[in-house]
Amino acid sequence: MNWIHLTEETQLEHIRLESNDQPVVIFKHSTRCSISAMAKMRLEREEAPGAVKFYYLDLIRYRNISNRVAEIYGVHHESPQVLLIKNGECTYDESHGGIEMAEIAKQAA
């Protein structure tokens, strides 16, 4: 898995624009949560769809960015959580045990 680390709020505009050309996933991860760690490991064990970019957000360290993501895309904050962004909109979000690479690939297609 080639994570792109989401560490600057300015990256959010880039993600929005980038999603016009290809689907983008934001994985919101709590480094203090064992469920979040399991979800991350499950994603990393599976083959990521080649046409999707994956961003990793450490929401403990970058809580301000996590809050901004929830605000921009109109989703309730959860952890762990994946958001699929296509054409500037969040078209799919899932959390906890529902996070599966196969479903992300299906939704991204």
PDB file of N, CA and C in Angstrom:
ATOM      1  N   MET A   1       0.858  -1.180   0.000  1.00  0.00           N
ATOM      2  CA  MET A   1       0.000   0.000   0.000  1.00  0.00           C
ATOM      3  C   MET A   1       0.896   1.231   0.000  1.00  0.00           C
ATOM      4  N   ASN A   2       0.657   2.092  -0.929  1.00  0.00           N
ATOM      5  CA  ASN A   2       1.410   3.341  -1.011  1.00  0.00           C
ATOM      6  C   ASN A   2       0.550   4.474  -0.473  1.00  0.00           C
ATOM      7  N   TRP A   3       0.627   4.675   0.840  1.00  0.00           N
ATOM      8  CA  TRP A   3      -0.132   5.747   1.467  1.00  0.00           C
ATOM      9  C   TRP A   3       0.476   7.105   1.125  1.00  0.00           C
ATOM     10  N   ILE A   4      -0.367   8.067   0.865  1.00  0.00           N
ATOM     11  CA  ILE A   4       0.049   9.461   0.767  1.00  0.00           C
ATOM     12  C   ILE A   4      -0.399  10.093   2.075  1.00  0.00           C
ATOM     13  N   HIS A   5       0.540  10.605   2.829  1.00  0.00           N
ATOM     14  CA  HIS A   5       0.211  11.143   4.144  1.00  0.00           C
ATOM     15  C   HIS A   5      -0.467  12.504   4.008  1.00  0.00           C
ATOM     16  N   LEU A   6      -1.603  12.612   4.649  1.00  0.00           N
ATOM     17  CA  LEU A   6      -2.385  13.848   4.666  1.00  0.00           C
ATOM     18  C   LEU A   6      -2.013  14.602   5.935  1.00  0.00           C
ATOM     19  N   THR A   7      -1.196  15.642   5.760  1.00  0.00           N
ATOM     20  CA  THR A   7      -0.649  16.364   6.905  1.00  0.00           C
ATOM     21  C   THR A   7      -0.890  17.870   6.851  1.00  0.00           C
ATOM     22  N   GLU A   8      -1.417  18.340   5.740  1.00  0.00           N
ATOM     23  CA  GLU A   8      -1.642  19.778   5.560  1.00  0.00           C
ATOM     24  C   GLU A   8      -3.075  20.006   5.079  1.00  0.00           C
ATOM     25  N   GLU A   9      -3.741  20.960   5.664  1.00  0.00           N
ATOM     26  CA  GLU A   9      -5.106  21.263   5.258  1.00  0.00           C
ATOM     27  C   GLU A   9      -5.181  21.670   3.790  1.00  0.00           C
ATOM     28  N   THR A  10      -4.117  22.249   3.255  1.00  0.00           N
ATOM     29  CA  THR A  10      -4.098  22.664   1.851  1.00  0.00           C
ATOM     30  C   THR A  10      -4.196  21.469   0.903  1.00  0.00           C
ATOM     31  N   GLN A  11      -3.847  20.278   1.371  1.00  0.00           N
ATOM     32  CA  GLN A  11      -3.954  19.080   0.533  1.00  0.00           C
ATOM     33  C   GLN A  11      -5.409  18.750   0.211  1.00  0.00           C
ATOM     34  N   LEU A  12      -6.335  19.214   1.026  1.00  0.00           N
ATOM     35  CA  LEU A  12      -7.743  18.885   0.808  1.00  0.00           C
ATOM     36  C   LEU A  12      -8.263  19.440  -0.509  1.00  0.00           C
ATOM     37  N   GLU A  13      -7.835  20.620  -0.880  1.00  0.00           N
ATOM     38  CA  GLU A  13      -8.231  21.187  -2.174  1.00  0.00           C
ATOM     39  C   GLU A  13      -7.616  20.372  -3.306  1.00  0.00           C
ATOM     40  N   HIS A  14      -6.383  19.952  -3.137  1.00  0.00           N
ATOM     41  CA  HIS A  14      -5.728  19.108  -4.146  1.00  0.00           C
ATOM     42  C   HIS A  14      -6.491  17.786  -4.306  1.00  0.00           C
ATOM     43  N   ILE A  15      -6.908  17.191  -3.188  1.00  0.00           N
ATOM     44  CA  ILE A  15      -7.673  15.939  -3.240  1.00  0.00           C
ATOM     45  C   ILE A  15      -8.982  16.152  -3.994  1.00  0.00           C
ATOM     46  N   ARG A  16      -9.660  17.243  -3.695  1.00  0.00           N
ATOM     47  CA  ARG A  16     -10.924  17.531  -4.382  1.00  0.00           C
ATOM     48  C   ARG A  16     -10.716  17.619  -5.889  1.00  0.00           C
ATOM     49  N   LEU A  17      -9.694  18.346  -6.313  1.00  0.00           N
ATOM     50  CA  LEU A  17      -9.408  18.488  -7.742  1.00  0.00           C
ATOM     51  C   LEU A  17      -8.938  17.173  -8.356  1.00  0.00           C
ATOM     52  N   GLU A  18      -8.097  16.474  -7.646  1.00  0.00           N
ATOM     53  CA  GLU A  18      -7.563  15.191  -8.112  1.00  0.00           C
ATOM     54  C   GLU A  18      -8.686  14.172  -8.330  1.00  0.00           C
ATOM     55  N   SER A  19      -9.727  14.256  -7.512  1.00  0.00           N
ATOM     56  CA  SER A  19     -10.824  13.301  -7.605  1.00  0.00           C
ATOM     57  C   SER A  19     -11.647  13.467  -8.882  1.00  0.00           C
ATOM     58  N   ASN A  20     -11.416  14.554  -9.620  1.00  0.00           N
ATOM     59  CA  ASN A  20     -12.072  14.713 -10.918  1.00  0.00           C
ATOM     60  C   ASN A  20     -11.454  13.805 -11.966  1.00  0.00           C
ATOM     61  N   ASP A  21     -10.209  13.386 -11.741  1.00  0.00           N
ATOM     62  CA  ASP A  21      -9.495  12.527 -12.687  1.00  0.00           C
ATOM     63  C   ASP A  21      -9.459  11.062 -12.260  1.00  0.00           C
ATOM     64  N   GLN A  22      -9.474  10.830 -10.951  1.00  0.00           N
ATOM     65  CA  GLN A  22      -9.449   9.462 -10.445  1.00  0.00           C
ATOM     66  C   GLN A  22     -10.010   9.443  -9.028  1.00  0.00           C
ATOM     67  N   PRO A  23     -10.597   8.306  -8.621  1.00  0.00           N
ATOM     68  CA  PRO A  23     -11.121   8.224  -7.261  1.00  0.00           C
ATOM     69  C   PRO A  23     -10.004   8.353  -6.231  1.00  0.00           C
ATOM     70  N   VAL A  24     -10.346   8.967  -5.103  1.00  0.00           N
ATOM     71  CA  VAL A  24      -9.393   9.174  -4.009  1.00  0.00           C
ATOM     72  C   VAL A  24     -10.034   8.653  -2.718  1.00  0.00           C
ATOM     73  N   VAL A  25      -9.259   7.911  -1.943  1.00  0.00           N
ATOM     74  CA  VAL A  25      -9.712   7.422  -0.648  1.00  0.00           C
ATOM     75  C   VAL A  25      -8.955   8.170   0.440  1.00  0.00           C
ATOM     76  N   ILE A  26      -9.691   8.603   1.453  1.00  0.00           N
ATOM     77  CA  ILE A  26      -9.077   9.141   2.670  1.00  0.00           C
ATOM     78  C   ILE A  26      -9.353   8.124   3.765  1.00  0.00           C
ATOM     79  N   PHE A  27      -8.294   7.597   4.366  1.00  0.00           N
ATOM     80  CA  PHE A  27      -8.428   6.672   5.486  1.00  0.00           C
ATOM     81  C   PHE A  27      -8.091   7.437   6.754  1.00  0.00           C
ATOM     82  N   LYS A  28      -9.099   7.618   7.605  1.00  0.00           N
ATOM     83  CA  LYS A  28      -8.914   8.329   8.873  1.00  0.00           C
ATOM     84  C   LYS A  28      -8.604   7.293   9.943  1.00  0.00           C
ATOM     85  N   HIS A  29      -7.412   7.395  10.501  1.00  0.00           N
ATOM     86  CA  HIS A  29      -6.885   6.375  11.410  1.00  0.00           C
ATOM     87  C   HIS A  29      -6.573   6.967  12.777  1.00  0.00           C
ATOM     88  N   SER A  30      -7.055   6.289  13.809  1.00  0.00           N
ATOM     89  CA  SER A  30      -6.683   6.653  15.176  1.00  0.00           C
ATOM     90  C   SER A  30      -5.553   5.749  15.626  1.00  0.00           C
ATOM     91  N   THR A  31      -4.415   6.335  15.902  1.00  0.00           N
ATOM     92  CA  THR A  31      -3.250   5.556  16.320  1.00  0.00           C
ATOM     93  C   THR A  31      -3.406   5.008  17.732  1.00  0.00           C
ATOM     94  N   ARG A  32      -4.475   5.376  18.425  1.00  0.00           N
ATOM     95  CA  ARG A  32      -4.728   4.902  19.788  1.00  0.00           C
ATOM     96  C   ARG A  32      -5.795   3.814  19.849  1.00  0.00           C
ATOM     97  N   CYS A  33      -6.291   3.376  18.706  1.00  0.00           N
ATOM     98  CA  CYS A  33      -7.440   2.472  18.672  1.00  0.00           C
ATOM     99  C   CYS A  33      -7.076   1.144  18.013  1.00  0.00           C
ATOM    100  N   SER A  34      -7.308   0.056  18.709  1.00  0.00           N
ATOM    101  CA  SER A  34      -6.977  -1.269  18.165  1.00  0.00           C
ATOM    102  C   SER A  34      -7.882  -1.629  16.985  1.00  0.00           C
ATOM    103  N   ILE A  35      -9.133  -1.190  16.994  1.00  0.00           N
ATOM    104  CA  ILE A  35     -10.022  -1.457  15.863  1.00  0.00           C
ATOM    105  C   ILE A  35      -9.516  -0.739  14.615  1.00  0.00           C
ATOM    106  N   SER A  36      -9.042   0.478  14.801  1.00  0.00           N
ATOM    107  CA  SER A  36      -8.479   1.239  13.691  1.00  0.00           C
ATOM    108  C   SER A  36      -7.222   0.552  13.154  1.00  0.00           C
ATOM    109  N   ALA A  37      -6.392   0.039  14.047  1.00  0.00           N
ATOM    110  CA  ALA A  37      -5.178  -0.672  13.632  1.00  0.00           C
ATOM    111  C   ALA A  37      -5.537  -1.917  12.828  1.00  0.00           C
ATOM    112  N   MET A  38      -6.579  -2.632  13.251  1.00  0.00           N
ATOM    113  CA  MET A  38      -7.000  -3.827  12.515  1.00  0.00           C
ATOM    114  C   MET A  38      -7.531  -3.459  11.133  1.00  0.00           C
ATOM    115  N   ALA A  39      -8.295  -2.382  11.041  1.00  0.00           N
ATOM    116  CA  ALA A  39      -8.820  -1.953   9.747  1.00  0.00           C
ATOM    117  C   ALA A  39      -7.676  -1.567   8.808  1.00  0.00           C
ATOM    118  N   LYS A  40      -6.687  -0.888   9.334  1.00  0.00           N
ATOM    119  CA  LYS A  40      -5.520  -0.490   8.530  1.00  0.00           C
ATOM    120  C   LYS A  40      -4.771  -1.718   8.040  1.00  0.00           C
ATOM    121  N   MET A  41      -4.562  -2.694   8.918  1.00  0.00           N
ATOM    122  CA  MET A  41      -3.858  -3.922   8.526  1.00  0.00           C
ATOM    123  C   MET A  41      -4.636  -4.683   7.458  1.00  0.00           C
ATOM    124  N   ARG A  42      -5.966  -4.728   7.587  1.00  0.00           N
ATOM    125  CA  ARG A  42      -6.785  -5.413   6.569  1.00  0.00           C
ATOM    126  C   ARG A  42      -6.622  -4.747   5.212  1.00  0.00           C
ATOM    127  N   LEU A  43      -6.623  -3.423   5.189  1.00  0.00           N
ATOM    128  CA  LEU A  43      -6.427  -2.716   3.921  1.00  0.00           C
ATOM    129  C   LEU A  43      -5.056  -2.995   3.342  1.00  0.00           C
ATOM    130  N   GLU A  44      -4.054  -3.006   4.182  1.00  0.00           N
ATOM    131  CA  GLU A  44      -2.681  -3.188   3.706  1.00  0.00           C
ATOM    132  C   GLU A  44      -2.406  -4.609   3.219  1.00  0.00           C
ATOM    133  N   ARG A  45      -3.188  -5.583   3.679  1.00  0.00           N
ATOM    134  CA  ARG A  45      -3.009  -6.971   3.231  1.00  0.00           C
ATOM    135  C   ARG A  45      -3.605  -7.211   1.851  1.00  0.00           C
ATOM    136  N   GLU A  46      -4.543  -6.393   1.464  1.00  0.00           N
ATOM    137  CA  GLU A  46      -5.226  -6.561   0.177  1.00  0.00           C
ATOM    138  C   GLU A  46      -4.557  -5.721  -0.901  1.00  0.00           C
ATOM    139  N   GLU A  47      -4.786  -6.114  -2.136  1.00  0.00           N
ATOM    140  CA  GLU A  47      -4.249  -5.341  -3.253  1.00  0.00           C
ATOM    141  C   GLU A  47      -5.168  -4.154  -3.518  1.00  0.00           C
ATOM    142  N   ALA A  48      -4.584  -2.981  -3.512  1.00  0.00           N
ATOM    143  CA  ALA A  48      -5.351  -1.752  -3.747  1.00  0.00           C
ATOM    144  C   ALA A  48      -5.644  -1.608  -5.235  1.00  0.00           C
ATOM    145  N   PRO A  49      -6.834  -1.130  -5.583  1.00  0.00           N
ATOM    146  CA  PRO A  49      -7.133  -0.874  -6.993  1.00  0.00           C
ATOM    147  C   PRO A  49      -6.154   0.159  -7.548  1.00  0.00           C
ATOM    148  N   GLY A  50      -5.582  -0.136  -8.698  1.00  0.00           N
ATOM    149  CA  GLY A  50      -4.549   0.713  -9.270  1.00  0.00           C
ATOM    150  C   GLY A  50      -4.989   2.117  -9.621  1.00  0.00           C
ATOM    151  N   ALA A  51      -6.260   2.295  -9.904  1.00  0.00           N
ATOM    152  CA  ALA A  51      -6.752   3.605 -10.342  1.00  0.00           C
ATOM    153  C   ALA A  51      -7.198   4.490  -9.191  1.00  0.00           C
ATOM    154  N   VAL A  52      -6.927   4.076  -7.955  1.00  0.00           N
ATOM    155  CA  VAL A  52      -7.379   4.824  -6.782  1.00  0.00           C
ATOM    156  C   VAL A  52      -6.165   5.297  -5.988  1.00  0.00           C
ATOM    157  N   LYS A  53      -6.179   6.550  -5.571  1.00  0.00           N
ATOM    158  CA  LYS A  53      -5.131   7.070  -4.689  1.00  0.00           C
ATOM    159  C   LYS A  53      -5.612   6.951  -3.255  1.00  0.00           C
ATOM    160  N   PHE A  54      -4.698   6.575  -2.364  1.00  0.00           N
ATOM    161  CA  PHE A  54      -5.030   6.377  -0.963  1.00  0.00           C
ATOM    162  C   PHE A  54      -4.268   7.362  -0.084  1.00  0.00           C
ATOM    163  N   TYR A  55      -5.020   8.171   0.651  1.00  0.00           N
ATOM    164  CA  TYR A  55      -4.451   9.114   1.605  1.00  0.00           C
ATOM    165  C   TYR A  55      -4.667   8.583   3.017  1.00  0.00           C
ATOM    166  N   TYR A  56      -3.653   8.754   3.842  1.00  0.00           N
ATOM    167  CA  TYR A  56      -3.670   8.306   5.239  1.00  0.00           C
ATOM    168  C   TYR A  56      -3.678   9.536   6.137  1.00  0.00           C
ATOM    169  N   LEU A  57      -4.674   9.600   7.023  1.00  0.00           N
ATOM    170  CA  LEU A  57      -4.782  10.722   7.944  1.00  0.00           C
ATOM    171  C   LEU A  57      -4.706  10.216   9.379  1.00  0.00           C
ATOM    172  N   ASP A  58      -3.646  10.597  10.078  1.00  0.00           N
ATOM    173  CA  ASP A  58      -3.501  10.323  11.507  1.00  0.00           C
ATOM    174  C   ASP A  58      -4.359  11.355  12.220  1.00  0.00           C
ATOM    175  N   LEU A  59      -5.571  10.951  12.604  1.00  0.00           N
ATOM    176  CA  LEU A  59      -6.502  11.955  13.123  1.00  0.00           C
ATOM    177  C   LEU A  59      -6.197  12.387  14.544  1.00  0.00           C
ATOM    178  N   ILE A  60      -5.337  11.679  15.232  1.00  0.00           N
ATOM    179  CA  ILE A  60      -4.917  12.148  16.558  1.00  0.00           C
ATOM    180  C   ILE A  60      -3.974  13.342  16.380  1.00  0.00           C
ATOM    181  N   ARG A  61      -3.033  13.179  15.498  1.00  0.00           N
ATOM    182  CA  ARG A  61      -2.034  14.225  15.266  1.00  0.00           C
ATOM    183  C   ARG A  61      -2.600  15.405  14.476  1.00  0.00           C
ATOM    184  N   TYR A  62      -3.522  15.101  13.571  1.00  0.00           N
ATOM    185  CA  TYR A  62      -4.060  16.135  12.677  1.00  0.00           C
ATOM    186  C   TYR A  62      -5.581  16.226  12.816  1.00  0.00           C
ATOM    187  N   ARG A  63      -6.033  16.400  14.029  1.00  0.00           N
ATOM    188  CA  ARG A  63      -7.471  16.457  14.298  1.00  0.00           C
ATOM    189  C   ARG A  63      -8.135  17.596  13.541  1.00  0.00           C
ATOM    190  N   ASN A  64      -7.439  18.712  13.372  1.00  0.00           N
ATOM    191  CA  ASN A  64      -8.010  19.845  12.632  1.00  0.00           C
ATOM    192  C   ASN A  64      -8.331  19.456  11.188  1.00  0.00           C
ATOM    193  N   ILE A  65      -7.478  18.652  10.577  1.00  0.00           N
ATOM    194  CA  ILE A  65      -7.724  18.207   9.203  1.00  0.00           C
ATOM    195  C   ILE A  65      -8.902  17.240   9.179  1.00  0.00           C
ATOM    196  N   SER A  66      -8.956  16.352  10.162  1.00  0.00           N
ATOM    197  CA  SER A  66     -10.066  15.404  10.257  1.00  0.00           C
ATOM    198  C   SER A  66     -11.397  16.148  10.386  1.00  0.00           C
ATOM    199  N   ASN A  67     -11.425  17.165  11.221  1.00  0.00           N
ATOM    200  CA  ASN A  67     -12.644  17.975  11.378  1.00  0.00           C
ATOM    201  C   ASN A  67     -13.017  18.657  10.074  1.00  0.00           C
ATOM    202  N   ARG A  68     -12.018  19.145   9.364  1.00  0.00           N
ATOM    203  CA  ARG A  68     -12.263  19.835   8.094  1.00  0.00           C
ATOM    204  C   ARG A  68     -12.798  18.864   7.038  1.00  0.00           C
ATOM    205  N   VAL A  69     -12.274  17.647   7.014  1.00  0.00           N
ATOM    206  CA  VAL A  69     -12.759  16.618   6.093  1.00  0.00           C
ATOM    207  C   VAL A  69     -14.253  16.364   6.346  1.00  0.00           C
ATOM    208  N   ALA A  70     -14.623  16.200   7.612  1.00  0.00           N
ATOM    209  CA  ALA A  70     -16.025  15.971   7.962  1.00  0.00           C
ATOM    210  C   ALA A  70     -16.894  17.141   7.516  1.00  0.00           C
ATOM    211  N   GLU A  71     -16.387  18.337   7.688  1.00  0.00           N
ATOM    212  CA  GLU A  71     -17.124  19.541   7.307  1.00  0.00           C
ATOM    213  C   GLU A  71     -17.291  19.649   5.794  1.00  0.00           C
ATOM    214  N   ILE A  72     -16.210  19.468   5.065  1.00  0.00           N
ATOM    215  CA  ILE A  72     -16.240  19.605   3.601  1.00  0.00           C
ATOM    216  C   ILE A  72     -17.175  18.585   2.966  1.00  0.00           C
ATOM    217  N   TYR A  73     -17.084  17.338   3.417  1.00  0.00           N
ATOM    218  CA  TYR A  73     -17.819  16.262   2.758  1.00  0.00           C
ATOM    219  C   TYR A  73     -19.139  15.905   3.444  1.00  0.00           C
ATOM    220  N   GLY A  74     -19.466  16.596   4.522  1.00  0.00           N
ATOM    221  CA  GLY A  74     -20.751  16.396   5.161  1.00  0.00           C
ATOM    222  C   GLY A  74     -20.949  15.005   5.742  1.00  0.00           C
ATOM    223  N   VAL A  75     -19.881  14.458   6.291  1.00  0.00           N
ATOM    224  CA  VAL A  75     -19.971  13.126   6.904  1.00  0.00           C
ATOM    225  C   VAL A  75     -19.732  13.240   8.399  1.00  0.00           C
ATOM    226  N   HIS A  76     -20.371  12.354   9.130  1.00  0.00           N
ATOM    227  CA  HIS A  76     -20.164  12.284  10.568  1.00  0.00           C
ATOM    228  C   HIS A  76     -18.789  11.675  10.835  1.00  0.00           C
ATOM    229  N   HIS A  77     -18.016  12.281  11.720  1.00  0.00           N
ATOM    230  CA  HIS A  77     -16.682  11.785  12.049  1.00  0.00           C
ATOM    231  C   HIS A  77     -16.771  10.428  12.734  1.00  0.00           C
ATOM    232  N   GLU A  78     -15.982   9.479  12.240  1.00  0.00           N
ATOM    233  CA  GLU A  78     -15.817   8.185  12.890  1.00  0.00           C
ATOM    234  C   GLU A  78     -14.363   7.786  12.764  1.00  0.00           C
ATOM    235  N   SER A  79     -13.986   6.785  13.526  1.00  0.00           N
ATOM    236  CA  SER A  79     -12.617   6.295  13.478  1.00  0.00           C
ATOM    237  C   SER A  79     -12.620   4.812  13.834  1.00  0.00           C
ATOM    238  N   PRO A  80     -12.054   4.010  12.974  1.00  0.00           N
ATOM    239  CA  PRO A  80     -11.499   4.330  11.660  1.00  0.00           C
ATOM    240  C   PRO A  80     -12.618   4.617  10.663  1.00  0.00           C
ATOM    241  N   GLN A  81     -12.234   5.278   9.597  1.00  0.00           N
ATOM    242  CA  GLN A  81     -13.218   5.642   8.583  1.00  0.00           C
ATOM    243  C   GLN A  81     -12.535   5.782   7.229  1.00  0.00           C
ATOM    244  N   VAL A  82     -13.216   5.326   6.176  1.00  0.00           N
ATOM    245  CA  VAL A  82     -12.762   5.586   4.813  1.00  0.00           C
ATOM    246  C   VAL A  82     -13.807   6.434   4.111  1.00  0.00           C
ATOM    247  N   LEU A  83     -13.332   7.366   3.329  1.00  0.00           N
ATOM    248  CA  LEU A  83     -14.182   8.182   2.475  1.00  0.00           C
ATOM    249  C   LEU A  83     -13.675   8.024   1.058  1.00  0.00           C
ATOM    250  N   LEU A  84     -14.573   7.764   0.138  1.00  0.00           N
ATOM    251  CA  LEU A  84     -14.231   7.697  -1.273  1.00  0.00           C
ATOM    252  C   LEU A  84     -14.702   8.985  -1.919  1.00  0.00           C
ATOM    253  N   ILE A  85     -13.773   9.708  -2.518  1.00  0.00           N
ATOM    254  CA  ILE A  85     -14.059  10.997  -3.134  1.00  0.00           C
ATOM    255  C   ILE A  85     -13.984  10.843  -4.650  1.00  0.00           C
ATOM    256  N   LYS A  86     -15.072  11.185  -5.322  1.00  0.00           N
ATOM    257  CA  LYS A  86     -15.133  11.158  -6.788  1.00  0.00           C
ATOM    258  C   LYS A  86     -15.780  12.453  -7.249  1.00  0.00           C
ATOM    259  N   ASN A  87     -15.136  13.102  -8.199  1.00  0.00           N
ATOM    260  CA  ASN A  87     -15.660  14.364  -8.751  1.00  0.00           C
ATOM    261  C   ASN A  87     -15.989  15.378  -7.659  1.00  0.00           C
ATOM    262  N   GLY A  88     -15.100  15.444  -6.664  1.00  0.00           N
ATOM    263  CA  GLY A  88     -15.228  16.442  -5.607  1.00  0.00           C
ATOM    264  C   GLY A  88     -16.255  16.134  -4.541  1.00  0.00           C
ATOM    265  N   GLU A  89     -16.893  14.967  -4.612  1.00  0.00           N
ATOM    266  CA  GLU A  89     -17.942  14.596  -3.661  1.00  0.00           C
ATOM    267  C   GLU A  89     -17.578  13.294  -2.951  1.00  0.00           C
ATOM    268  N   CYS A  90     -18.017  13.175  -1.722  1.00  0.00           N
ATOM    269  CA  CYS A  90     -17.872  11.908  -1.014  1.00  0.00           C
ATOM    270  C   CYS A  90     -19.016  11.016  -1.474  1.00  0.00           C
ATOM    271  N   THR A  91     -18.683   9.956  -2.209  1.00  0.00           N
ATOM    272  CA  THR A  91     -19.704   9.065  -2.757  1.00  0.00           C
ATOM    273  C   THR A  91     -19.886   7.809  -1.916  1.00  0.00           C
ATOM    274  N   TYR A  92     -18.991   7.590  -0.968  1.00  0.00           N
ATOM    275  CA  TYR A  92     -19.064   6.387  -0.128  1.00  0.00           C
ATOM    276  C   TYR A  92     -18.250   6.638   1.123  1.00  0.00           C
ATOM    277  N   ASP A  93     -18.790   6.232   2.270  1.00  0.00           N
ATOM    278  CA  ASP A  93     -17.984   6.240   3.486  1.00  0.00           C
ATOM    279  C   ASP A  93     -18.385   5.045   4.329  1.00  0.00           C
ATOM    280  N   GLU A  94     -17.409   4.523   5.041  1.00  0.00           N
ATOM    281  CA  GLU A  94     -17.615   3.339   5.873  1.00  0.00           C
ATOM    282  C   GLU A  94     -16.688   3.433   7.069  1.00  0.00           C
ATOM    283  N   SER A  95     -17.047   2.728   8.118  1.00  0.00           N
ATOM    284  CA  SER A  95     -16.212   2.766   9.312  1.00  0.00           C
ATOM    285  C   SER A  95     -16.102   1.388   9.943  1.00  0.00           C
ATOM    286  N   HIS A  96     -15.188   1.304  10.877  1.00  0.00           N
ATOM    287  CA  HIS A  96     -14.958   0.123  11.701  1.00  0.00           C
ATOM    288  C   HIS A  96     -14.845  -1.156  10.862  1.00  0.00           C
ATOM    289  N   GLY A  97     -15.580  -2.193  11.241  1.00  0.00           N
ATOM    290  CA  GLY A  97     -15.489  -3.491  10.573  1.00  0.00           C
ATOM    291  C   GLY A  97     -16.005  -3.500   9.153  1.00  0.00           C
ATOM    292  N   GLY A  98     -16.709  -2.455   8.749  1.00  0.00           N
ATOM    293  CA  GLY A  98     -17.223  -2.375   7.385  1.00  0.00           C
ATOM    294  C   GLY A  98     -16.187  -1.954   6.362  1.00  0.00           C
ATOM    295  N   ILE A  99     -14.997  -1.603   6.811  1.00  0.00           N
ATOM    296  CA  ILE A  99     -13.939  -1.158   5.897  1.00  0.00           C
ATOM    297  C   ILE A  99     -13.327  -2.386   5.228  1.00  0.00           C
ATOM    298  N   GLU A 100     -13.545  -2.499   3.918  1.00  0.00           N
ATOM    299  CA  GLU A 100     -13.028  -3.627   3.145  1.00  0.00           C
ATOM    300  C   GLU A 100     -12.529  -3.128   1.799  1.00  0.00           C
ATOM    301  N   MET A 101     -11.364  -3.609   1.397  1.00  0.00           N
ATOM    302  CA  MET A 101     -10.777  -3.194   0.125  1.00  0.00           C
ATOM    303  C   MET A 101     -11.675  -3.568  -1.054  1.00  0.00           C
ATOM    304  N   ALA A 102     -12.302  -4.752  -0.993  1.00  0.00           N
ATOM    305  CA  ALA A 102     -13.164  -5.183  -2.096  1.00  0.00           C
ATOM    306  C   ALA A 102     -14.320  -4.208  -2.298  1.00  0.00           C
ATOM    307  N   GLU A 103     -14.890  -3.716  -1.216  1.00  0.00           N
ATOM    308  CA  GLU A 103     -15.996  -2.779  -1.320  1.00  0.00           C
ATOM    309  C   GLU A 103     -15.509  -1.418  -1.829  1.00  0.00           C
ATOM    310  N   ILE A 104     -14.338  -1.009  -1.389  1.00  0.00           N
ATOM    311  CA  ILE A 104     -13.757   0.247  -1.883  1.00  0.00           C
ATOM    312  C   ILE A 104     -13.561   0.151  -3.399  1.00  0.00           C
ATOM    313  N   ALA A 105     -13.002  -0.980  -3.859  1.00  0.00           N
ATOM    314  CA  ALA A 105     -12.775  -1.181  -5.295  1.00  0.00           C
ATOM    315  C   ALA A 105     -14.091  -1.153  -6.067  1.00  0.00           C
ATOM    316  N   LYS A 106     -15.106  -1.812  -5.515  1.00  0.00           N
ATOM    317  CA  LYS A 106     -16.419  -1.845  -6.160  1.00  0.00           C
ATOM    318  C   LYS A 106     -17.011  -0.434  -6.262  1.00  0.00           C
ATOM    319  N   GLN A 107     -16.931   0.324  -5.195  1.00  0.00           N
ATOM    320  CA  GLN A 107     -17.482   1.672  -5.181  1.00  0.00           C
ATOM    321  C   GLN A 107     -16.689   2.631  -6.070  1.00  0.00           C
ATOM    322  N   ALA A 108     -15.401   2.370  -6.229  1.00  0.00           N
ATOM    323  CA  ALA A 108     -14.539   3.246  -7.018  1.00  0.00           C
ATOM    324  C   ALA A 108     -14.715   3.026  -8.519  1.00  0.00           C
ATOM    325  N   ALA A 109     -15.206   1.846  -8.890  1.00  0.00           N
ATOM    326  CA  ALA A 109     -15.328   1.495 -10.317  1.00  0.00           C
ATOM    327  C   ALA A 109     -16.361   2.350 -11.033  1.00  0.00           C
TER     328      ALA A 109
END
